[in-house]
């Protein structure tokens, strides 16, 4: 179960994030301004900018899967600040996630997941995925989407949701 609700969803949302960023880059180009302006944008003065939203969305996805499976995640130093670097980071995380299958998540449901800022407290793997990691990825992708939308980039709900597995 944890594989199905994490890896495919994280890959989908990061793919969608890459697509809306591409629309942001095209918008900046059409309006004749640097993409860096969008990457430094935020919705509120005390909010992290678009670049940090991308970093955290990627980190949340890769670290969730790494913690649940016990495998090392790729290291990113958060030095990616230009659009091509951010695009590459997203693609690296998607590729990392693509290496996993359901067997990698054996016993992940009951694994104790903790982080230093939790001061010795933990969540089970299921709790961690459902109550921390998934909402965190969605939050940061949504915020990235909202920053772009707020700045005039023509993105909509279909861009956020991405391709759907419709059946006939």
Protein backbone atom coordinates (compact mmCIF):
# COMPACT_ATOMS: atom_id res chain seq x y z
CA UNK A 1 0.00 0.00 0.00
CA UNK A 2 2.70 2.54 0.90
CA UNK A 3 4.41 2.15 -2.44
CA UNK A 4 1.16 2.82 -4.31
CA UNK A 5 0.32 5.99 -2.38
CA UNK A 6 3.83 7.45 -2.37
CA UNK A 7 6.06 6.68 -5.33
CA UNK A 8 3.53 7.00 -8.18
CA UNK A 9 1.95 10.09 -6.58
CA UNK A 10 5.28 11.77 -5.90
CA UNK A 11 6.43 11.08 -9.46
CA UNK A 12 3.19 12.46 -10.85
CA UNK A 13 3.26 15.61 -8.74
CA UNK A 14 6.93 16.31 -9.49
CA UNK A 15 6.24 15.77 -13.20
CA UNK A 16 3.37 18.25 -12.93
CA UNK A 17 5.63 20.67 -11.07
CA UNK A 18 8.16 20.43 -13.89
CA UNK A 19 5.41 21.17 -16.40
CA UNK A 20 4.10 24.23 -14.59
CA UNK A 21 7.67 25.51 -14.20
CA UNK A 22 8.12 25.14 -17.95
CA UNK A 23 5.00 27.25 -18.40
CA UNK A 24 6.52 29.79 -16.02
CA UNK A 25 9.72 29.91 -18.08
CA UNK A 26 7.73 30.34 -21.30
CA UNK A 27 5.66 33.09 -19.67
CA UNK A 28 8.77 34.95 -18.48
CA UNK A 29 10.30 34.63 -21.94
CA UNK A 30 7.13 35.91 -23.66
CA UNK A 31 6.93 38.85 -21.26
CA UNK A 32 10.64 39.57 -21.73
CA UNK A 33 11.79 39.19 -18.13
CA UNK A 34 14.16 36.81 -16.39
CA UNK A 35 12.80 33.56 -14.94
CA UNK A 36 14.79 34.44 -11.80
CA UNK A 37 12.09 36.98 -10.97
CA UNK A 38 9.52 34.18 -10.74
CA UNK A 39 11.93 31.91 -8.87
CA UNK A 40 12.41 34.57 -6.20
CA UNK A 41 8.67 35.29 -5.94
CA UNK A 42 6.55 34.45 -2.92
CA UNK A 43 2.94 35.00 -1.92
CA UNK A 44 3.71 36.61 1.43
CA UNK A 45 6.79 38.37 2.81
CA UNK A 46 7.42 35.65 5.40
CA UNK A 47 6.93 32.76 2.97
CA UNK A 48 9.66 30.79 1.25
CA UNK A 49 10.18 31.68 -2.40
CA UNK A 50 9.41 29.51 -5.42
CA UNK A 51 12.92 28.08 -5.51
CA UNK A 52 12.66 26.83 -1.91
CA UNK A 53 9.18 25.40 -2.58
CA UNK A 54 10.75 23.30 -5.35
CA UNK A 55 13.64 22.20 -3.12
CA UNK A 56 11.30 21.14 -0.33
CA UNK A 57 8.84 19.34 -2.62
CA UNK A 58 11.74 17.30 -4.03
CA UNK A 59 13.25 16.65 -0.60
CA UNK A 60 9.94 15.62 0.92
CA UNK A 61 9.34 13.05 -1.81
CA UNK A 62 12.82 11.54 -1.93
CA UNK A 63 13.32 11.50 1.85
CA UNK A 64 9.95 9.88 2.47
CA UNK A 65 10.80 7.00 0.17
CA UNK A 66 14.33 6.74 1.56
CA UNK A 67 13.08 6.64 5.15
CA UNK A 68 10.39 4.08 4.39
CA UNK A 69 12.73 1.76 2.47
CA UNK A 70 15.99 2.33 4.31
CA UNK A 71 17.76 3.29 1.07
CA UNK A 72 19.90 6.38 0.58
CA UNK A 73 18.37 9.35 -1.18
CA UNK A 74 20.31 11.53 -3.61
CA UNK A 75 21.92 14.53 -1.94
CA UNK A 76 21.10 18.01 -3.13
CA UNK A 77 22.84 20.97 -1.52
CA UNK A 78 20.06 23.44 -2.32
CA UNK A 79 22.42 25.34 -4.59
CA UNK A 80 20.05 24.92 -7.52
CA UNK A 81 18.66 28.39 -8.09
CA UNK A 82 18.40 28.71 -11.87
CA UNK A 83 15.57 27.16 -13.85
CA UNK A 84 17.73 24.54 -15.67
CA UNK A 85 19.23 23.45 -12.34
CA UNK A 86 15.83 23.15 -10.69
CA UNK A 87 14.46 21.23 -13.67
CA UNK A 88 17.41 18.84 -13.42
CA UNK A 89 16.85 18.37 -9.68
CA UNK A 90 13.21 17.49 -10.19
CA UNK A 91 14.15 15.04 -12.95
CA UNK A 92 16.82 13.44 -10.74
CA UNK A 93 14.30 12.89 -7.95
CA UNK A 94 11.76 11.43 -10.40
CA UNK A 95 14.45 9.08 -11.72
CA UNK A 96 15.37 8.07 -8.15
CA UNK A 97 11.75 7.35 -7.32
CA UNK A 98 11.41 5.32 -10.51
CA UNK A 99 13.90 2.78 -9.18
CA UNK A 100 11.51 1.56 -6.46
CA UNK A 101 8.84 -1.10 -6.50
CA UNK A 102 6.34 -2.43 -3.98
CA UNK A 103 8.81 -5.02 -2.66
CA UNK A 104 11.08 -2.24 -1.44
CA UNK A 105 8.38 -1.20 1.02
CA UNK A 106 8.20 -4.51 2.90
CA UNK A 107 7.55 -3.78 6.59
CA UNK A 108 7.52 -0.02 5.93
CA UNK A 109 4.06 0.40 7.49
CA UNK A 110 5.31 -0.29 11.03
CA UNK A 111 8.77 1.24 10.70
CA UNK A 112 9.45 4.02 13.21
CA UNK A 113 10.18 7.26 11.37
CA UNK A 114 11.67 10.19 13.25
CA UNK A 115 13.46 13.43 12.52
CA UNK A 116 15.68 15.54 14.79
CA UNK A 117 13.10 18.31 15.10
CA UNK A 118 10.55 15.80 16.44
CA UNK A 119 12.56 15.61 19.69
CA UNK A 120 12.62 11.83 20.01
CA UNK A 121 9.03 11.29 18.88
CA UNK A 122 8.21 9.09 15.91
CA UNK A 123 5.45 8.14 13.50
CA UNK A 124 4.85 4.73 12.01
CA UNK A 125 5.63 4.44 8.32
CA UNK A 126 1.94 4.62 7.46
CA UNK A 127 1.38 7.65 9.70
CA UNK A 128 4.47 9.33 8.31
CA UNK A 129 3.39 8.84 4.70
CA UNK A 130 -0.25 9.80 5.21
CA UNK A 131 0.06 12.57 7.77
CA UNK A 132 3.42 14.14 6.99
CA UNK A 133 5.05 13.32 3.66
CA UNK A 134 2.08 13.33 1.28
CA UNK A 135 0.58 16.55 2.68
CA UNK A 136 4.02 18.15 2.64
CA UNK A 137 4.63 17.35 -1.03
CA UNK A 138 1.15 18.56 -1.97
CA UNK A 139 1.58 21.72 0.10
CA UNK A 140 4.82 22.73 -1.59
CA UNK A 141 3.67 21.84 -5.11
CA UNK A 142 0.44 23.76 -4.49
CA UNK A 143 2.39 26.74 -3.20
CA UNK A 144 4.69 26.66 -6.23
CA UNK A 145 1.61 26.50 -8.48
CA UNK A 146 0.03 29.40 -6.58
CA UNK A 147 3.14 31.58 -6.84
CA UNK A 148 3.24 31.07 -10.60
CA UNK A 149 -0.50 31.63 -10.97
CA UNK A 150 -0.33 34.77 -8.83
CA UNK A 151 2.37 36.10 -11.16
CA UNK A 152 0.23 35.69 -14.26
CA UNK A 153 1.40 32.31 -15.51
CA UNK A 154 -1.51 30.63 -17.23
CA UNK A 155 -1.82 27.43 -15.26
CA UNK A 156 -4.98 25.80 -14.06
CA UNK A 157 -6.29 22.83 -12.15
CA UNK A 158 -5.55 20.46 -15.04
CA UNK A 159 -1.90 21.49 -14.88
CA UNK A 160 -1.82 20.74 -11.17
CA UNK A 161 -3.64 17.41 -11.47
CA UNK A 162 -1.79 16.28 -14.60
CA UNK A 163 -2.66 13.24 -16.64
CA UNK A 164 -5.49 11.11 -15.30
CA UNK A 165 -5.69 7.34 -15.71
CA UNK A 166 -9.12 7.46 -17.31
CA UNK A 167 -10.71 4.15 -18.35
CA UNK A 168 -13.09 3.45 -21.24
